PDB file of N, CA and C in Angstrom:
ATOM      1  N   MET A   1      18.068  -2.459  62.096  1.00  0.00           N
ATOM      2  CA  MET A   1      18.003  -3.417  61.021  1.00  0.00           C
ATOM      3  C   MET A   1      18.900  -4.597  61.372  1.00  0.00           C
ATOM      4  N   ALA A   2      18.364  -5.785  61.217  1.00  0.00           N
ATOM      5  CA  ALA A   2      19.107  -7.000  61.541  1.00  0.00           C
ATOM      6  C   ALA A   2      20.142  -7.296  60.458  1.00  0.00           C
ATOM      7  N   SER A   3      21.249  -7.899  60.857  1.00  0.00           N
ATOM      8  CA  SER A   3      22.266  -8.313  59.889  1.00  0.00           C
ATOM      9  C   SER A   3      21.779  -9.552  59.145  1.00  0.00           C
ATOM     10  N   ARG A   4      22.431  -9.878  58.062  1.00  0.00           N
ATOM     11  CA  ARG A   4      22.069 -11.088  57.312  1.00  0.00           C
ATOM     12  C   ARG A   4      22.196 -12.329  58.199  1.00  0.00           C
ATOM     13  N   ARG A   5      23.259 -12.393  58.959  1.00  0.00           N
ATOM     14  CA  ARG A   5      23.450 -13.538  59.855  1.00  0.00           C
ATOM     15  C   ARG A   5      22.294 -13.640  60.845  1.00  0.00           C
ATOM     16  N   GLU A   6      21.896 -12.527  61.424  1.00  0.00           N
ATOM     17  CA  GLU A   6      20.792 -12.524  62.390  1.00  0.00           C
ATOM     18  C   GLU A   6      19.479 -12.953  61.733  1.00  0.00           C
ATOM     19  N   LEU A   7      19.254 -12.498  60.504  1.00  0.00           N
ATOM     20  CA  LEU A   7      18.043 -12.902  59.799  1.00  0.00           C
ATOM     21  C   LEU A   7      18.053 -14.401  59.502  1.00  0.00           C
ATOM     22  N   LEU A   8      19.179 -14.913  59.034  1.00  0.00           N
ATOM     23  CA  LEU A   8      19.269 -16.346  58.756  1.00  0.00           C
ATOM     24  C   LEU A   8      19.036 -17.160  60.029  1.00  0.00           C
ATOM     25  N   GLU A   9      19.563 -16.695  61.136  1.00  0.00           N
ATOM     26  CA  GLU A   9      19.332 -17.377  62.414  1.00  0.00           C
ATOM     27  C   GLU A   9      17.850 -17.350  62.785  1.00  0.00           C
ATOM     28  N   ALA A  10      17.223 -16.190  62.670  1.00  0.00           N
ATOM     29  CA  ALA A  10      15.801 -16.059  63.006  1.00  0.00           C
ATOM     30  C   ALA A  10      14.936 -16.936  62.102  1.00  0.00           C
ATOM     31  N   TRP A  11      15.335 -17.071  60.842  1.00  0.00           N
ATOM     32  CA  TRP A  11      14.584 -17.899  59.887  1.00  0.00           C
ATOM     33  C   TRP A  11      14.945 -19.381  59.977  1.00  0.00           C
ATOM     34  N   GLU A  12      15.928 -19.695  60.813  1.00  0.00           N
ATOM     35  CA  GLU A  12      16.417 -21.065  60.981  1.00  0.00           C
ATOM     36  C   GLU A  12      16.962 -21.654  59.672  1.00  0.00           C
ATOM     37  N   VAL A  13      17.628 -20.809  58.903  1.00  0.00           N
ATOM     38  CA  VAL A  13      18.311 -21.253  57.692  1.00  0.00           C
ATOM     39  C   VAL A  13      19.725 -21.677  58.096  1.00  0.00           C
ATOM     40  N   PRO A  14      20.103 -22.919  57.847  1.00  0.00           N
ATOM     41  CA  PRO A  14      21.460 -23.359  58.210  1.00  0.00           C
ATOM     42  C   PRO A  14      22.511 -22.522  57.476  1.00  0.00           C
ATOM     43  N   HIS A  15      23.494 -22.075  58.235  1.00  0.00           N
ATOM     44  CA  HIS A  15      24.560 -21.246  57.671  1.00  0.00           C
ATOM     45  C   HIS A  15      25.776 -21.333  58.587  1.00  0.00           C
ATOM     46  N   GLU A  16      26.877 -20.784  58.127  1.00  0.00           N
ATOM     47  CA  GLU A  16      28.078 -20.727  58.956  1.00  0.00           C
ATOM     48  C   GLU A  16      28.839 -19.446  58.654  1.00  0.00           C
ATOM     49  N   GLN A  17      29.557 -18.989  59.636  1.00  0.00           N
ATOM     50  CA  GLN A  17      30.442 -17.836  59.476  1.00  0.00           C
ATOM     51  C   GLN A  17      31.828 -18.375  59.174  1.00  0.00           C
ATOM     52  N   HIS A  18      32.422 -17.873  58.117  1.00  0.00           N
ATOM     53  CA  HIS A  18      33.750 -18.340  57.758  1.00  0.00           C
ATOM     54  C   HIS A  18      34.546 -17.168  57.208  1.00  0.00           C
ATOM     55  N   LEU A  19      35.606 -16.815  57.891  1.00  0.00           N
ATOM     56  CA  LEU A  19      36.460 -15.694  57.478  1.00  0.00           C
ATOM     57  C   LEU A  19      35.654 -14.420  57.243  1.00  0.00           C
ATOM     58  N   GLY A  20      34.670 -14.187  58.109  1.00  0.00           N
ATOM     59  CA  GLY A  20      33.871 -12.971  58.022  1.00  0.00           C
ATOM     60  C   GLY A  20      32.759 -13.011  56.988  1.00  0.00           C
ATOM     61  N   VAL A  21      32.554 -14.165  56.362  1.00  0.00           N
ATOM     62  CA  VAL A  21      31.529 -14.315  55.331  1.00  0.00           C
ATOM     63  C   VAL A  21      30.432 -15.238  55.868  1.00  0.00           C
ATOM     64  N   THR A  22      29.183 -14.879  55.631  1.00  0.00           N
ATOM     65  CA  THR A  22      28.059 -15.708  56.043  1.00  0.00           C
ATOM     66  C   THR A  22      27.722 -16.644  54.894  1.00  0.00           C
ATOM     67  N   LEU A  23      28.005 -17.922  55.070  1.00  0.00           N
ATOM     68  CA  LEU A  23      27.858 -18.902  53.997  1.00  0.00           C
ATOM     69  C   LEU A  23      26.642 -19.799  54.203  1.00  0.00           C
ATOM     70  N   VAL A  24      25.920 -20.012  53.114  1.00  0.00           N
ATOM     71  CA  VAL A  24      24.821 -20.967  53.078  1.00  0.00           C
ATOM     72  C   VAL A  24      25.265 -22.089  52.151  1.00  0.00           C
ATOM     73  N   ALA A  25      25.204 -23.334  52.647  1.00  0.00           N
ATOM     74  CA  ALA A  25      25.594 -24.481  51.824  1.00  0.00           C
ATOM     75  C   ALA A  25      24.676 -24.595  50.616  1.00  0.00           C
ATOM     76  N   ARG A  26      25.228 -25.085  49.544  1.00  0.00           N
ATOM     77  CA  ARG A  26      24.491 -25.220  48.290  1.00  0.00           C
ATOM     78  C   ARG A  26      23.154 -25.944  48.482  1.00  0.00           C
ATOM     79  N   LYS A  27      23.128 -26.982  49.312  1.00  0.00           N
ATOM     80  CA  LYS A  27      21.893 -27.759  49.489  1.00  0.00           C
ATOM     81  C   LYS A  27      20.775 -26.940  50.141  1.00  0.00           C
ATOM     82  N   HIS A  28      21.115 -25.811  50.775  1.00  0.00           N
ATOM     83  CA  HIS A  28      20.113 -24.950  51.408  1.00  0.00           C
ATOM     84  C   HIS A  28      19.862 -23.664  50.611  1.00  0.00           C
ATOM     85  N   ALA A  29      20.515 -23.521  49.473  1.00  0.00           N
ATOM     86  CA  ALA A  29      20.458 -22.267  48.717  1.00  0.00           C
ATOM     87  C   ALA A  29      19.052 -21.940  48.223  1.00  0.00           C
ATOM     88  N   ALA A  30      18.361 -22.891  47.625  1.00  0.00           N
ATOM     89  CA  ALA A  30      17.026 -22.611  47.082  1.00  0.00           C
ATOM     90  C   ALA A  30      16.065 -22.180  48.188  1.00  0.00           C
ATOM     91  N   ALA A  31      16.086 -22.877  49.310  1.00  0.00           N
ATOM     92  CA  ALA A  31      15.206 -22.518  50.432  1.00  0.00           C
ATOM     93  C   ALA A  31      15.538 -21.123  50.948  1.00  0.00           C
ATOM     94  N   CYS A  32      16.821 -20.786  50.977  1.00  0.00           N
ATOM     95  CA  CYS A  32      17.238 -19.464  51.447  1.00  0.00           C
ATOM     96  C   CYS A  32      16.727 -18.374  50.502  1.00  0.00           C
ATOM     97  N   VAL A  33      16.878 -18.581  49.205  1.00  0.00           N
ATOM     98  CA  VAL A  33      16.407 -17.595  48.227  1.00  0.00           C
ATOM     99  C   VAL A  33      14.888 -17.426  48.337  1.00  0.00           C
ATOM    100  N   LYS A  34      14.174 -18.528  48.488  1.00  0.00           N
ATOM    101  CA  LYS A  34      12.716 -18.451  48.639  1.00  0.00           C
ATOM    102  C   LYS A  34      12.349 -17.617  49.855  1.00  0.00           C
ATOM    103  N   ARG A  35      13.083 -17.793  50.933  1.00  0.00           N
ATOM    104  CA  ARG A  35      12.788 -17.042  52.164  1.00  0.00           C
ATOM    105  C   ARG A  35      13.127 -15.564  51.990  1.00  0.00           C
ATOM    106  N   ILE A  36      14.262 -15.272  51.372  1.00  0.00           N
ATOM    107  CA  ILE A  36      14.653 -13.876  51.137  1.00  0.00           C
ATOM    108  C   ILE A  36      13.572 -13.152  50.344  1.00  0.00           C
ATOM    109  N   LEU A  37      13.133 -13.771  49.251  1.00  0.00           N
ATOM    110  CA  LEU A  37      12.108 -13.144  48.421  1.00  0.00           C
ATOM    111  C   LEU A  37      10.749 -13.142  49.118  1.00  0.00           C
ATOM    112  N   GLY A  38      10.451 -14.209  49.850  1.00  0.00           N
ATOM    113  CA  GLY A  38       9.183 -14.289  50.572  1.00  0.00           C
ATOM    114  C   GLY A  38       9.049 -13.247  51.664  1.00  0.00           C
ATOM    115  N   GLU A  39      10.170 -12.831  52.212  1.00  0.00           N
ATOM    116  CA  GLU A  39      10.175 -11.807  53.262  1.00  0.00           C
ATOM    117  C   GLU A  39      10.273 -10.391  52.683  1.00  0.00           C
ATOM    118  N   SER A  40      10.252 -10.297  51.364  1.00  0.00           N
ATOM    119  CA  SER A  40      10.332  -9.003  50.655  1.00  0.00           C
ATOM    120  C   SER A  40      11.589  -8.218  51.015  1.00  0.00           C
ATOM    121  N   CYS A  41      12.689  -8.938  51.201  1.00  0.00           N
ATOM    122  CA  CYS A  41      13.963  -8.283  51.468  1.00  0.00           C
ATOM    123  C   CYS A  41      14.504  -7.663  50.181  1.00  0.00           C
ATOM    124  N   ALA A  42      15.332  -6.672  50.331  1.00  0.00           N
ATOM    125  CA  ALA A  42      16.058  -6.116  49.184  1.00  0.00           C
ATOM    126  C   ALA A  42      17.171  -7.115  48.874  1.00  0.00           C
ATOM    127  N   PHE A  43      17.057  -7.809  47.757  1.00  0.00           N
ATOM    128  CA  PHE A  43      17.983  -8.870  47.369  1.00  0.00           C
ATOM    129  C   PHE A  43      18.897  -8.309  46.292  1.00  0.00           C
ATOM    130  N   HIS A  44      20.184  -8.247  46.587  1.00  0.00           N
ATOM    131  CA  HIS A  44      21.142  -7.609  45.689  1.00  0.00           C
ATOM    132  C   HIS A  44      21.954  -8.603  44.862  1.00  0.00           C
ATOM    133  N   GLY A  45      21.964  -9.880  45.256  1.00  0.00           N
ATOM    134  CA  GLY A  45      22.718 -10.878  44.510  1.00  0.00           C
ATOM    135  C   GLY A  45      23.363 -11.891  45.429  1.00  0.00           C
ATOM    136  N   TYR A  46      24.354 -12.583  44.891  1.00  0.00           N
ATOM    137  CA  TYR A  46      25.049 -13.596  45.682  1.00  0.00           C
ATOM    138  C   TYR A  46      26.466 -13.777  45.160  1.00  0.00           C
ATOM    139  N   ASP A  47      27.313 -14.262  46.041  1.00  0.00           N
ATOM    140  CA  ASP A  47      28.682 -14.628  45.701  1.00  0.00           C
ATOM    141  C   ASP A  47      28.810 -16.123  45.888  1.00  0.00           C
ATOM    142  N   ALA A  48      29.428 -16.792  44.913  1.00  0.00           N
ATOM    143  CA  ALA A  48      29.612 -18.240  44.959  1.00  0.00           C
ATOM    144  C   ALA A  48      31.020 -18.561  45.453  1.00  0.00           C
ATOM    145  N   PHE A  49      31.122 -19.632  46.238  1.00  0.00           N
ATOM    146  CA  PHE A  49      32.402 -20.035  46.823  1.00  0.00           C
ATOM    147  C   PHE A  49      32.547 -21.550  46.822  1.00  0.00           C
ATOM    148  N   THR A  50      33.798 -21.980  46.921  1.00  0.00           N
ATOM    149  CA  THR A  50      34.116 -23.346  47.286  1.00  0.00           C
ATOM    150  C   THR A  50      34.818 -23.274  48.632  1.00  0.00           C
ATOM    151  N   LEU A  51      34.308 -24.026  49.588  1.00  0.00           N
ATOM    152  CA  LEU A  51      34.968 -24.140  50.879  1.00  0.00           C
ATOM    153  C   LEU A  51      35.964 -25.286  50.752  1.00  0.00           C
ATOM    154  N   LEU A  52      37.233 -24.960  50.819  1.00  0.00           N
ATOM    155  CA  LEU A  52      38.304 -25.933  50.605  1.00  0.00           C
ATOM    156  C   LEU A  52      38.632 -26.690  51.890  1.00  0.00           C
ATOM    157  N   PRO A  53      39.219 -27.870  51.760  1.00  0.00           N
ATOM    158  CA  PRO A  53      39.538 -28.684  52.943  1.00  0.00           C
ATOM    159  C   PRO A  53      40.448 -27.990  53.955  1.00  0.00           C
ATOM    160  N   ASP A  54      41.284 -27.071  53.515  1.00  0.00           N
ATOM    161  CA  ASP A  54      42.189 -26.382  54.441  1.00  0.00           C
ATOM    162  C   ASP A  54      41.541 -25.140  55.057  1.00  0.00           C
ATOM    163  N   ASP A  55      40.192 -25.100  55.044  1.00  0.00           N
ATOM    164  CA  ASP A  55      39.406 -23.999  55.606  1.00  0.00           C
ATOM    165  C   ASP A  55      39.629 -22.672  54.901  1.00  0.00           C
ATOM    166  N   LYS A  56      40.015 -22.720  53.651  1.00  0.00           N
ATOM    167  CA  LYS A  56      40.120 -21.509  52.837  1.00  0.00           C
ATOM    168  C   LYS A  56      38.905 -21.431  51.933  1.00  0.00           C
ATOM    169  N   LEU A  57      38.602 -20.215  51.498  1.00  0.00           N
ATOM    170  CA  LEU A  57      37.497 -19.990  50.577  1.00  0.00           C
ATOM    171  C   LEU A  57      38.034 -19.656  49.201  1.00  0.00           C
ATOM    172  N   GLN A  58      37.484 -20.285  48.195  1.00  0.00           N
ATOM    173  CA  GLN A  58      37.804 -19.962  46.804  1.00  0.00           C
ATOM    174  C   GLN A  58      36.582 -19.267  46.211  1.00  0.00           C
ATOM    175  N   PRO A  59      36.672 -17.951  45.927  1.00  0.00           N
ATOM    176  CA  PRO A  59      35.527 -17.267  45.319  1.00  0.00           C
ATOM    177  C   PRO A  59      35.409 -17.631  43.837  1.00  0.00           C
ATOM    178  N   HIS A  60      34.194 -17.547  43.326  1.00  0.00           N
ATOM    179  CA  HIS A  60      33.927 -17.840  41.916  1.00  0.00           C
ATOM    180  C   HIS A  60      33.116 -16.695  41.322  1.00  0.00           C
ATOM    181  N   SER A  61      33.786 -15.709  40.788  1.00  0.00           N
ATOM    182  CA  SER A  61      33.068 -14.562  40.228  1.00  0.00           C
ATOM    183  C   SER A  61      32.253 -14.946  39.000  1.00  0.00           C
ATOM    184  N   ASP A  62      32.659 -15.984  38.272  1.00  0.00           N
ATOM    185  CA  ASP A  62      31.893 -16.414  37.093  1.00  0.00           C
ATOM    186  C   ASP A  62      30.508 -16.933  37.456  1.00  0.00           C
ATOM    187  N   TRP A  63      30.335 -17.404  38.680  1.00  0.00           N
ATOM    188  CA  TRP A  63      29.056 -17.961  39.101  1.00  0.00           C
ATOM    189  C   TRP A  63      28.417 -17.125  40.206  1.00  0.00           C
ATOM    190  N   SER A  64      28.796 -15.865  40.279  1.00  0.00           N
ATOM    191  CA  SER A  64      28.182 -14.924  41.206  1.00  0.00           C
ATOM    192  C   SER A  64      27.265 -14.006  40.409  1.00  0.00           C
ATOM    193  N   ALA A  65      26.340 -13.364  41.093  1.00  0.00           N
ATOM    194  CA  ALA A  65      25.389 -12.489  40.396  1.00  0.00           C
ATOM    195  C   ALA A  65      25.089 -11.267  41.249  1.00  0.00           C
ATOM    196  N   SER A  66      24.812 -10.165  40.582  1.00  0.00           N
ATOM    197  CA  SER A  66      24.319  -8.968  41.262  1.00  0.00           C
ATOM    198  C   SER A  66      23.308  -8.298  40.347  1.00  0.00           C
ATOM    199  N   TRP A  67      22.344  -7.639  40.967  1.00  0.00           N
ATOM    200  CA  TRP A  67      21.264  -7.016  40.216  1.00  0.00           C
ATOM    201  C   TRP A  67      21.090  -5.574  40.650  1.00  0.00           C
ATOM    202  N   PRO A  68      20.762  -4.715  39.697  1.00  0.00           N
ATOM    203  CA  PRO A  68      20.467  -3.328  40.062  1.00  0.00           C
ATOM    204  C   PRO A  68      19.151  -3.270  40.832  1.00  0.00           C
ATOM    205  N   ALA A  69      18.937  -2.189  41.517  1.00  0.00           N
ATOM    206  CA  ALA A  69      17.710  -2.028  42.312  1.00  0.00           C
ATOM    207  C   ALA A  69      16.488  -2.315  41.451  1.00  0.00           C
ATOM    208  N   GLY A  70      15.646  -3.205  41.953  1.00  0.00           N
ATOM    209  CA  GLY A  70      14.423  -3.544  41.236  1.00  0.00           C
ATOM    210  C   GLY A  70      14.609  -4.505  40.080  1.00  0.00           C
ATOM    211  N   GLY A  71      15.827  -4.942  39.819  1.00  0.00           N
ATOM    212  CA  GLY A  71      16.088  -5.820  38.692  1.00  0.00           C
ATOM    213  C   GLY A  71      16.248  -7.277  39.069  1.00  0.00           C
ATOM    214  N   ILE A  72      15.646  -7.702  40.155  1.00  0.00           N
ATOM    215  CA  ILE A  72      15.787  -9.079  40.626  1.00  0.00           C
ATOM    216  C   ILE A  72      15.054 -10.014  39.665  1.00  0.00           C
ATOM    217  N   PRO A  73      15.733 -11.052  39.185  1.00  0.00           N
ATOM    218  CA  PRO A  73      15.051 -12.020  38.315  1.00  0.00           C
ATOM    219  C   PRO A  73      13.971 -12.785  39.081  1.00  0.00           C
ATOM    220  N   PRO A  74      13.076 -13.450  38.355  1.00  0.00           N
ATOM    221  CA  PRO A  74      12.060 -14.265  39.034  1.00  0.00           C
ATOM    222  C   PRO A  74      12.710 -15.406  39.830  1.00  0.00           C
ATOM    223  N   LEU A  75      12.025 -15.835  40.869  1.00  0.00           N
ATOM    224  CA  LEU A  75      12.521 -16.898  41.749  1.00  0.00           C
ATOM    225  C   LEU A  75      12.973 -18.118  40.949  1.00  0.00           C
ATOM    226  N   ARG A  76      12.159 -18.598  40.037  1.00  0.00           N
ATOM    227  CA  ARG A  76      12.487 -19.813  39.279  1.00  0.00           C
ATOM    228  C   ARG A  76      13.787 -19.643  38.506  1.00  0.00           C
ATOM    229  N   GLN A  77      14.022 -18.450  37.955  1.00  0.00           N
ATOM    230  CA  GLN A  77      15.253 -18.201  37.202  1.00  0.00           C
ATOM    231  C   GLN A  77      16.470 -18.235  38.122  1.00  0.00           C
ATOM    232  N   ILE A  78      16.363 -17.634  39.299  1.00  0.00           N
ATOM    233  CA  ILE A  78      17.484 -17.641  40.248  1.00  0.00           C
ATOM    234  C   ILE A  78      17.808 -19.076  40.654  1.00  0.00           C
ATOM    235  N   ILE A  79      16.783 -19.841  40.994  1.00  0.00           N
ATOM    236  CA  ILE A  79      17.018 -21.218  41.419  1.00  0.00           C
ATOM    237  C   ILE A  79      17.612 -22.040  40.273  1.00  0.00           C
ATOM    238  N   SER A  80      17.138 -21.847  39.074  1.00  0.00           N
ATOM    239  CA  SER A  80      17.700 -22.556  37.910  1.00  0.00           C
ATOM    240  C   SER A  80      19.175 -22.232  37.723  1.00  0.00           C
ATOM    241  N   GLU A  81      19.527 -20.965  37.905  1.00  0.00           N
ATOM    242  CA  GLU A  81      20.935 -20.572  37.792  1.00  0.00           C
ATOM    243  C   GLU A  81      21.778 -21.252  38.861  1.00  0.00           C
ATOM    244  N   LEU A  82      21.291 -21.267  40.089  1.00  0.00           N
ATOM    245  CA  LEU A  82      22.029 -21.919  41.170  1.00  0.00           C
ATOM    246  C   LEU A  82      22.211 -23.412  40.888  1.00  0.00           C
ATOM    247  N   GLU A  83      21.154 -24.050  40.422  1.00  0.00           N
ATOM    248  CA  GLU A  83      21.216 -25.484  40.135  1.00  0.00           C
ATOM    249  C   GLU A  83      22.158 -25.799  38.973  1.00  0.00           C
ATOM    250  N   ALA A  84      22.371 -24.837  38.077  1.00  0.00           N
ATOM    251  CA  ALA A  84      23.229 -25.048  36.910  1.00  0.00           C
ATOM    252  C   ALA A  84      24.719 -24.869  37.216  1.00  0.00           C
ATOM    253  N   HIS A  85      25.035 -24.348  38.388  1.00  0.00           N
ATOM    254  CA  HIS A  85      26.442 -24.152  38.737  1.00  0.00           C
ATOM    255  C   HIS A  85      27.149 -25.496  38.877  1.00  0.00           C
ATOM    256  N   PRO A  86      28.434 -25.524  38.575  1.00  0.00           N
ATOM    257  CA  PRO A  86      29.174 -26.785  38.708  1.00  0.00           C
ATOM    258  C   PRO A  86      29.269 -27.214  40.173  1.00  0.00           C
ATOM    259  N   ALA A  87      29.528 -28.491  40.355  1.00  0.00           N
ATOM    260  CA  ALA A  87      29.587 -29.073  41.703  1.00  0.00           C
ATOM    261  C   ALA A  87      30.661 -28.437  42.580  1.00  0.00           C
ATOM    262  N   GLU A  88      31.657 -27.815  41.973  1.00  0.00           N
ATOM    263  CA  GLU A  88      32.705 -27.215  42.791  1.00  0.00           C
ATOM    264  C   GLU A  88      32.196 -26.029  43.617  1.00  0.00           C
ATOM    265  N   VAL A  89      31.072 -25.446  43.232  1.00  0.00           N
ATOM    266  CA  VAL A  89      30.458 -24.390  44.048  1.00  0.00           C
ATOM    267  C   VAL A  89      29.753 -25.079  45.207  1.00  0.00           C
ATOM    268  N   THR A  90      30.260 -24.843  46.407  1.00  0.00           N
ATOM    269  CA  THR A  90      29.711 -25.528  47.586  1.00  0.00           C
ATOM    270  C   THR A  90      28.890 -24.621  48.496  1.00  0.00           C
ATOM    271  N   HIS A  91      29.104 -23.301  48.395  1.00  0.00           N
ATOM    272  CA  HIS A  91      28.439 -22.359  49.298  1.00  0.00           C
ATOM    273  C   HIS A  91      28.150 -21.037  48.595  1.00  0.00           C
ATOM    274  N   TYR A  92      27.220 -20.287  49.183  1.00  0.00           N
ATOM    275  CA  TYR A  92      26.870 -18.958  48.676  1.00  0.00           C
ATOM    276  C   TYR A  92      26.813 -17.969  49.830  1.00  0.00           C
ATOM    277  N   ASP A  93      27.168 -16.745  49.509  1.00  0.00           N
ATOM    278  CA  ASP A  93      26.954 -15.614  50.410  1.00  0.00           C
ATOM    279  C   ASP A  93      25.875 -14.773  49.744  1.00  0.00           C
ATOM    280  N   PHE A  94      24.652 -14.834  50.273  1.00  0.00           N
ATOM    281  CA  PHE A  94      23.542 -14.082  49.710  1.00  0.00           C
ATOM    282  C   PHE A  94      23.582 -12.657  50.251  1.00  0.00           C
ATOM    283  N   VAL A  95      23.487 -11.697  49.362  1.00  0.00           N
ATOM    284  CA  VAL A  95      23.580 -10.285  49.721  1.00  0.00           C
ATOM    285  C   VAL A  95      22.169  -9.710  49.708  1.00  0.00           C
ATOM    286  N   PHE A  96      21.650  -9.443  50.901  1.00  0.00           N
ATOM    287  CA  PHE A  96      20.277  -8.938  51.040  1.00  0.00           C
ATOM    288  C   PHE A  96      20.183  -8.145  52.325  1.00  0.00           C
ATOM    289  N   GLU A  97      19.092  -7.396  52.418  1.00  0.00           N
ATOM    290  CA  GLU A  97      18.821  -6.660  53.646  1.00  0.00           C
ATOM    291  C   GLU A  97      17.324  -6.579  53.865  1.00  0.00           C
ATOM    292  N   ASP A  98      16.965  -6.595  55.130  1.00  0.00           N
ATOM    293  CA  ASP A  98      15.576  -6.486  55.527  1.00  0.00           C
ATOM    294  C   ASP A  98      15.173  -5.024  55.400  1.00  0.00           C
ATOM    295  N   ASP A  99      14.044  -4.773  54.788  1.00  0.00           N
ATOM    296  CA  ASP A  99      13.589  -3.392  54.610  1.00  0.00           C
ATOM    297  C   ASP A  99      12.957  -2.808  55.862  1.00  0.00           C
ATOM    298  N   ASP A 100      12.777  -3.618  56.886  1.00  0.00           N
ATOM    299  CA  ASP A 100      12.154  -3.111  58.125  1.00  0.00           C
ATOM    300  C   ASP A 100      13.113  -2.283  58.938  1.00  0.00           C
TER     301      ASP A 100
END
């Protein structure tokens, strides 16, 4: 089974590794979610972060989400939630796995 980083690379989704976390910039978040769901991956949720100028990460649990097995919201709802986050959220760590 490929890691999330390997899948993002194979899908050509822009991302970066930072302090052991695979981050997708906010501007690429909707496309990433569409690809995760389009590939029928097990999508467990996401963690929201701000990448600070001093190369530190600020997690935002208030704007993170997790879903029980089979409880994934519809694509439009997930994207709407991401778009509603404040500008201080700059990156996401999407938690998913390929079922293959």
